[in-house]
C-alpha atoms as a PDB file:
ATOM      1  CA  MET A   1      -0.154   0.000  -0.062  1.00  0.00           C
ATOM      2  CA  ALA A   2       1.310   3.369  -0.984  1.00  0.00           C
ATOM      3  CA  SER A   3       2.266   5.780   1.664  1.00  0.00           C
ATOM      4  CA  LYS A   4       1.101   9.376   1.485  1.00  0.00           C
ATOM      5  CA  ARG A   5       3.793  10.689   3.815  1.00  0.00           C
ATOM      6  CA  HIS A   6       7.142  11.508   2.598  1.00  0.00           C
ATOM      7  CA  ASP A   7       9.721  14.565   3.080  1.00  0.00           C
ATOM      8  CA  ARG A   8       8.363  17.085   0.496  1.00  0.00           C
ATOM      9  CA  ALA A   9      11.323  19.491   1.054  1.00  0.00           C
ATOM     10  CA  GLN A  10      13.867  16.741   0.301  1.00  0.00           C
ATOM     11  CA  LEU A  11      11.714  15.725  -2.855  1.00  0.00           C
ATOM     12  CA  HIS A  12      12.010  19.348  -3.991  1.00  0.00           C
ATOM     13  CA  GLU A  13      15.855  19.230  -3.503  1.00  0.00           C
ATOM     14  CA  LEU A  14      15.760  15.795  -5.599  1.00  0.00           C
ATOM     15  CA  LEU A  15      13.876  17.796  -8.235  1.00  0.00           C
ATOM     16  CA  TYR A  16      16.436  20.821  -8.237  1.00  0.00           C
ATOM     17  CA  GLN A  17      19.208  18.322  -8.710  1.00  0.00           C
ATOM     18  CA  ALA A  18      17.312  16.651 -11.439  1.00  0.00           C
ATOM     19  CA  LEU A  19      16.764  19.517 -13.176  1.00  0.00           C
ATOM     20  CA  GLU A  20      20.383  20.599 -12.846  1.00  0.00           C
ATOM     21  CA  THR A  21      21.705  17.220 -13.881  1.00  0.00           C
ATOM     22  CA  GLU A  22      19.636  17.545 -17.233  1.00  0.00           C
ATOM     23  CA  LYS A  23      20.883  21.097 -17.762  1.00  0.00           C
ATOM     24  CA  GLY A  24      24.311  19.994 -17.309  1.00  0.00           C
ATOM     25  CA  GLY A  25      23.893  16.850 -19.320  1.00  0.00           C
ATOM     26  CA  ILE A  26      23.177  19.021 -22.484  1.00  0.00           C
ATOM     27  CA  ARG A  27      26.588  20.465 -22.305  1.00  0.00           C
ATOM     28  CA  ILE A  28      28.062  17.272 -21.530  1.00  0.00           C
ATOM     29  CA  TYR A  29      26.771  15.485 -24.550  1.00  0.00           C
ATOM     30  CA  GLN A  30      27.586  18.546 -26.726  1.00  0.00           C
ATOM     31  CA  THR A  31      31.316  18.352 -25.647  1.00  0.00           C
ATOM     32  CA  ALA A  32      31.271  14.367 -25.780  1.00  0.00           C
ATOM     33  CA  LEU A  33      30.160  14.898 -29.449  1.00  0.00           C
ATOM     34  CA  GLU A  34      33.388  16.911 -30.161  1.00  0.00           C
ATOM     35  CA  CYS A  35      35.213  13.860 -28.693  1.00  0.00           C
ATOM     36  CA  ALA A  36      33.418  11.045 -30.588  1.00  0.00           C
ATOM     37  CA  VAL A  37      35.387   9.215 -33.176  1.00  0.00           C
ATOM     38  CA  ASN A  38      33.180   6.259 -33.823  1.00  0.00           C
ATOM     39  CA  GLU A  39      30.426   7.054 -36.250  1.00  0.00           C
ATOM     40  CA  GLY A  40      28.057   4.898 -34.132  1.00  0.00           C
ATOM     41  CA  LEU A  41      28.871   6.242 -30.915  1.00  0.00           C
ATOM     42  CA  ARG A  42      28.510   9.846 -32.439  1.00  0.00           C
ATOM     43  CA  GLU A  43      24.920   8.867 -33.829  1.00  0.00           C
ATOM     44  CA  GLU A  44      24.075   7.396 -30.396  1.00  0.00           C
ATOM     45  CA  TRP A  45      25.074  10.424 -28.534  1.00  0.00           C
ATOM     46  CA  GLN A  46      23.282  12.793 -31.052  1.00  0.00           C
ATOM     47  CA  GLY A  47      20.320  10.921 -30.277  1.00  0.00           C
ATOM     48  CA  TYR A  48      21.039  11.210 -26.430  1.00  0.00           C
ATOM     49  CA  LEU A  49      21.458  14.775 -26.711  1.00  0.00           C
ATOM     50  CA  GLN A  50      18.085  15.420 -28.187  1.00  0.00           C
ATOM     51  CA  GLU A  51      16.466  13.099 -25.578  1.00  0.00           C
ATOM     52  CA  THR A  52      18.335  15.067 -22.728  1.00  0.00           C
ATOM     53  CA  ARG A  53      17.004  18.265 -24.015  1.00  0.00           C
ATOM     54  CA  ARG A  54      13.349  16.857 -23.900  1.00  0.00           C
ATOM     55  CA  HIS A  55      13.970  15.404 -20.332  1.00  0.00           C
ATOM     56  CA  HIS A  56      14.939  18.814 -19.347  1.00  0.00           C
ATOM     57  CA  GLU A  57      11.782  20.402 -20.831  1.00  0.00           C
ATOM     58  CA  ILE A  58       9.595  17.664 -19.176  1.00  0.00           C
ATOM     59  CA  LEU A  59      11.279  18.488 -15.751  1.00  0.00           C
ATOM     60  CA  VAL A  60      10.348  22.084 -16.343  1.00  0.00           C
ATOM     61  CA  GLY A  61       6.955  21.267 -16.948  1.00  0.00           C
ATOM     62  CA  VAL A  62       6.874  19.100 -13.704  1.00  0.00           C
ATOM     63  CA  PHE A  63       8.196  22.283 -11.846  1.00  0.00           C
ATOM     64  CA  ALA A  64       5.395  24.328 -13.397  1.00  0.00           C
ATOM     65  CA  GLU A  65       2.606  21.855 -12.296  1.00  0.00           C
ATOM     66  CA  LEU A  66       4.002  21.554  -8.703  1.00  0.00           C
ATOM     67  CA  GLY A  67       4.614  25.281  -8.300  1.00  0.00           C
ATOM     68  CA  LEU A  68       8.255  25.158  -7.949  1.00  0.00           C
ATOM     69  CA  ASP A  69      10.761  27.955  -9.317  1.00  0.00           C
ATOM     70  CA  PRO A  70      13.145  26.255 -11.826  1.00  0.00           C
ATOM     71  CA  GLN A  71      15.734  28.862 -11.027  1.00  0.00           C
ATOM     72  CA  ALA A  72      15.921  28.486  -7.246  1.00  0.00           C
ATOM     73  CA  ALA A  73      19.242  27.415  -5.917  1.00  0.00           C
ATOM     74  CA  SER A  74      19.978  24.654  -3.304  1.00  0.00           C
ATOM     75  CA  PRO A  75      23.295  23.410  -1.869  1.00  0.00           C
ATOM     76  CA  GLY A  76      22.874  20.031  -3.531  1.00  0.00           C
ATOM     77  CA  ARG A  77      22.033  21.920  -7.016  1.00  0.00           C
ATOM     78  CA  GLU A  78      25.113  23.837  -6.767  1.00  0.00           C
ATOM     79  CA  VAL A  79      27.326  20.826  -6.369  1.00  0.00           C
ATOM     80  CA  VAL A  80      25.417  18.911  -9.196  1.00  0.00           C
ATOM     81  CA  ALA A  81      26.478  22.178 -11.461  1.00  0.00           C
ATOM     82  CA  HIS A  82      30.123  21.946 -10.246  1.00  0.00           C
ATOM     83  CA  ILE A  83      30.385  18.216 -10.928  1.00  0.00           C
ATOM     84  CA  GLY A  84      28.745  18.587 -14.515  1.00  0.00           C
ATOM     85  CA  ALA A  85      31.024  21.555 -15.171  1.00  0.00           C
ATOM     86  CA  SER A  86      34.063  19.425 -13.965  1.00  0.00           C
ATOM     87  CA  LEU A  87      33.266  16.526 -16.425  1.00  0.00           C
ATOM     88  CA  VAL A  88      32.998  19.167 -19.313  1.00  0.00           C
ATOM     89  CA  LYS A  89      36.447  20.488 -18.316  1.00  0.00           C
ATOM     90  CA  ALA A  90      38.019  17.010 -18.226  1.00  0.00           C
ATOM     91  CA  MET A  91      36.961  16.267 -21.600  1.00  0.00           C
ATOM     92  CA  GLN A  92      38.156  19.639 -22.902  1.00  0.00           C
ATOM     93  CA  MET A  93      41.614  18.883 -21.211  1.00  0.00           C
ATOM     94  CA  ALA A  94      41.428  15.383 -23.256  1.00  0.00           C
ATOM     95  CA  ILE A  95      40.601  17.272 -26.447  1.00  0.00           C
ATOM     96  CA  LYS A  96      43.677  19.652 -25.904  1.00  0.00           C
ATOM     97  CA  ALA A  97      45.943  16.770 -25.321  1.00  0.00           C
ATOM     98  CA  GLY A  98      45.685  15.942 -28.999  1.00  0.00           C
ATOM     99  CA  ASP A  99      44.908  12.122 -28.980  1.00  0.00           C
ATOM    100  CA  PRO A 100      41.435  11.783 -30.342  1.00  0.00           C
ATOM    101  CA  GLN A 101      40.869   7.870 -29.212  1.00  0.00           C
ATOM    102  CA  ALA A 102      42.065   8.978 -25.805  1.00  0.00           C
ATOM    103  CA  ALA A 103      39.537  11.891 -25.640  1.00  0.00           C
ATOM    104  CA  GLU A 104      36.816   9.670 -26.901  1.00  0.00           C
ATOM    105  CA  LEU A 105      37.628   7.302 -23.913  1.00  0.00           C
ATOM    106  CA  VAL A 106      37.639  10.089 -21.373  1.00  0.00           C
ATOM    107  CA  ALA A 107      34.260  11.318 -22.888  1.00  0.00           C
ATOM    108  CA  ALA A 108      32.629   7.748 -22.510  1.00  0.00           C
ATOM    109  CA  GLU A 109      33.502   7.653 -18.891  1.00  0.00           C
ATOM    110  CA  CYS A 110      32.264  11.231 -18.192  1.00  0.00           C
ATOM    111  CA  VAL A 111      28.976  10.337 -19.905  1.00  0.00           C
ATOM    112  CA  VAL A 112      28.741   7.387 -17.706  1.00  0.00           C
ATOM    113  CA  LEU A 113      29.661   9.236 -14.518  1.00  0.00           C
ATOM    114  CA  ALA A 114      26.876  11.870 -15.462  1.00  0.00           C
ATOM    115  CA  GLU A 115      24.271   9.506 -16.545  1.00  0.00           C
ATOM    116  CA  THR A 116      24.898   7.366 -13.419  1.00  0.00           C
ATOM    117  CA  LYS A 117      23.506  10.191 -11.293  1.00  0.00           C
ATOM    118  CA  ASP A 118      20.923  11.125 -13.922  1.00  0.00           C
ATOM    119  CA  HIS A 119      19.394   7.377 -13.850  1.00  0.00           C
ATOM    120  CA  GLN A 120      19.322   7.484  -9.966  1.00  0.00           C
ATOM    121  CA  ASN A 121      17.347  10.722  -9.982  1.00  0.00           C
ATOM    122  CA  TRP A 122      14.862   9.376 -12.258  1.00  0.00           C
ATOM    123  CA  GLU A 123      14.724   6.056 -10.292  1.00  0.00           C
ATOM    124  CA  LEU A 124      14.029   7.903  -7.127  1.00  0.00           C
ATOM    125  CA  ILE A 125      11.404  10.204  -8.846  1.00  0.00           C
ATOM    126  CA  GLY A 126       9.664   6.975  -9.925  1.00  0.00           C
ATOM    127  CA  HIS A 127       9.887   5.626  -6.315  1.00  0.00           C
ATOM    128  CA  VAL A 128       8.095   8.703  -4.972  1.00  0.00           C
ATOM    129  CA  ALA A 129       5.435   8.426  -7.578  1.00  0.00           C
ATOM    130  CA  LYS A 130       4.926   4.661  -6.897  1.00  0.00           C
ATOM    131  CA  ASN A 131       4.588   5.230  -3.071  1.00  0.00           C
ATOM    132  CA  THR A 132       2.633   8.366  -2.750  1.00  0.00           C
ATOM    133  CA  SER A 133      -0.892   9.617  -4.286  1.00  0.00           C
ATOM    134  CA  GLY A 134      -2.439  12.463  -5.390  1.00  0.00           C
ATOM    135  CA  LYS A 135      -1.762  15.039  -8.128  1.00  0.00           C
ATOM    136  CA  GLU A 136       1.929  15.204  -6.961  1.00  0.00           C
ATOM    137  CA  ALA A 137       2.250  11.674  -7.385  1.00  0.00           C
ATOM    138  CA  ALA A 138       0.407  11.618 -10.873  1.00  0.00           C
ATOM    139  CA  THR A 139       2.652  14.554 -12.220  1.00  0.00           C
ATOM    140  CA  LEU A 140       5.889  12.501 -11.293  1.00  0.00           C
ATOM    141  CA  MET A 141       4.650   9.320 -12.678  1.00  0.00           C
ATOM    142  CA  GLY A 142       3.716  11.066 -15.953  1.00  0.00           C
ATOM    143  CA  ALA A 143       7.119  12.512 -16.232  1.00  0.00           C
ATOM    144  CA  TYR A 144       8.870   9.214 -14.953  1.00  0.00           C
ATOM    145  CA  GLU A 145       7.092   6.981 -17.569  1.00  0.00           C
ATOM    146  CA  GLN A 146       8.158   9.327 -20.522  1.00  0.00           C
ATOM    147  CA  VAL A 147      11.980   9.145 -19.263  1.00  0.00           C
ATOM    148  CA  GLU A 148      12.506   6.070 -17.781  1.00  0.00           C
ATOM    149  CA  LYS A 149      13.598   3.714 -20.797  1.00  0.00           C
ATOM    150  CA  GLU A 150      15.543   6.231 -22.457  1.00  0.00           C
ATOM    151  CA  GLU A 151      17.638   7.014 -19.234  1.00  0.00           C
ATOM    152  CA  ASP A 152      18.222   3.194 -19.185  1.00  0.00           C
ATOM    153  CA  HIS A 153      19.649   3.396 -22.758  1.00  0.00           C
ATOM    154  CA  HIS A 154      21.785   6.325 -21.982  1.00  0.00           C
ATOM    155  CA  LEU A 155      23.432   4.501 -18.940  1.00  0.00           C
ATOM    156  CA  TYR A 156      23.899   1.196 -20.225  1.00  0.00           C
ATOM    157  CA  HIS A 157      24.710   1.511 -23.701  1.00  0.00           C
ATOM    158  CA  THR A 158      27.307   4.192 -22.887  1.00  0.00           C
ATOM    159  CA  GLN A 159      28.832   1.621 -20.279  1.00  0.00           C
ATOM    160  CA  GLY A 160      28.954  -0.842 -23.118  1.00  0.00           C
ATOM    161  CA  TRP A 161      30.477   1.615 -25.718  1.00  0.00           C
ATOM    162  CA  GLY A 162      33.108   2.845 -23.034  1.00  0.00           C
ATOM    163  CA  ARG A 163      34.144  -0.844 -22.292  1.00  0.00           C
ATOM    164  CA  GLU A 164      34.375  -2.025 -25.806  1.00  0.00           C
ATOM    165  CA  LEU A 165      36.342   1.026 -26.887  1.00  0.00           C
ATOM    166  CA  TRP A 166      38.695   0.452 -24.037  1.00  0.00           C
ATOM    167  CA  ILE A 167      39.305  -3.159 -24.853  1.00  0.00           C
ATOM    168  CA  ALA A 168      39.756  -2.152 -28.588  1.00  0.00           C
ATOM    169  CA  SER A 169      42.475   0.380 -27.292  1.00  0.00           C
ATOM    170  CA  LEU A 170      44.302  -2.568 -25.337  1.00  0.00           C
ATOM    171  CA  GLY A 171      44.812  -4.338 -28.741  1.00  0.00           C
ATOM    172  CA  PHE A 172      42.051  -6.803 -28.373  1.00  0.00           C
ATOM    173  CA  LYS A 173      39.076  -7.574 -30.553  1.00  0.00           C
ATOM    174  CA  ALA A 174      35.850  -5.572 -29.457  1.00  0.00           C
ATOM    175  CA  VAL A 175      32.249  -5.968 -30.118  1.00  0.00           C
ATOM    176  CA  LEU A 176      31.304  -2.633 -31.933  1.00  0.00           C
ATOM    177  CA  PRO A 177      28.622  -1.584 -31.487  1.00  0.00           C
ATOM    178  CA  PRO A 178      28.450  -3.079 -28.170  1.00  0.00           C
ATOM    179  CA  PRO A 179      26.456  -6.035 -26.946  1.00  0.00           C
ATOM    180  CA  GLU A 180      24.401  -3.528 -24.971  1.00  0.00           C
ATOM    181  CA  GLU A 181      23.339  -1.729 -28.224  1.00  0.00           C
ATOM    182  CA  ILE A 182      22.708  -4.866 -30.280  1.00  0.00           C
ATOM    183  CA  LYS A 183      20.496  -6.258 -27.661  1.00  0.00           C
ATOM    184  CA  HIS A 184      18.725  -3.263 -27.000  1.00  0.00           C
ATOM    185  CA  VAL A 185      19.495  -3.471 -23.275  1.00  0.00           C
ATOM    186  CA  GLU A 186      16.776  -1.595 -20.975  1.00  0.00           C
ATOM    187  CA  THR A 187      17.760  -3.207 -17.395  1.00  0.00           C
ATOM    188  CA  ALA A 188      20.760  -3.790 -15.300  1.00  0.00           C
ATOM    189  CA  ILE A 189      20.086  -7.396 -15.570  1.00  0.00           C
ATOM    190  CA  GLY A 190      19.803  -7.287 -19.225  1.00  0.00           C
ATOM    191  CA  ALA A 191      23.293  -5.181 -19.262  1.00  0.00           C
ATOM    192  CA  SER A 192      25.030  -7.979 -17.341  1.00  0.00           C
ATOM    193  CA  ARG A 193      23.613 -10.587 -19.761  1.00  0.00           C
ATOM    194  CA  ALA A 194      24.716  -8.661 -22.686  1.00  0.00           C
ATOM    195  CA  GLU A 195      28.273  -8.184 -21.140  1.00  0.00           C
ATOM    196  CA  GLN A 196      28.406 -11.968 -20.797  1.00  0.00           C
ATOM    197  CA  SER A 197      27.296 -12.658 -24.245  1.00  0.00           C
ATOM    198  CA  ARG A 198      30.362 -10.769 -26.067  1.00  0.00           C
ATOM    199  CA  GLU A 199      32.360 -13.735 -26.325  1.00  0.00           C
ATOM    200  CA  ARG A 200      29.980 -15.470 -28.107  1.00  0.00           C
ATOM    201  CA  MET A 201      29.393 -12.542 -30.368  1.00  0.00           C
ATOM    202  CA  LEU A 202      33.300 -12.537 -30.989  1.00  0.00           C
ATOM    203  CA  LYS A 203      33.381 -15.992 -32.013  1.00  0.00           C
ATOM    204  CA  LYS A 204      30.624 -15.520 -34.657  1.00  0.00           C
ATOM    205  CA  ASN A 205      32.516 -12.573 -36.321  1.00  0.00           C
END
């Protein structure tokens, strides 16, 4: 049975952080695209950039429905902004170092770091929606259902790209696009199974 009692102030903090995460994610993907060497990965990230822009718009709509100020500051939001800017700076440093393949690896890792936070934000938003009731719950659930699967793709597929690009850089045969992409992974269990299937995929090629 869903509980109607939760810490509303902390929910608002979660939403401020989620909005800042999406805002920073736009800049992160824009910079990551400057690092992308593999055309398949570039195409993937271009799609994720457009989806991240839409996720930001969806959250702005949530703020409007809940009567929250999307410009409001919070200590946690400032930290999220700082981390996002740091990831962008890390990629810019990699670009300046002059090794395109190395910069691509850095970008994949930065995207995974950003998407790990983003994915958790939406999991928590979904948890609130599933365990409360009323207009607030309906608003959150509406947003969560629009975003959930895309966030799974962003995290699990980029993890796969990062792993396979690293394997290739080490001189081993890689599965590109990665198994997570080929199998259209949408869950952590699916990602684990996809990774375990890579050896079989290599033998078929």
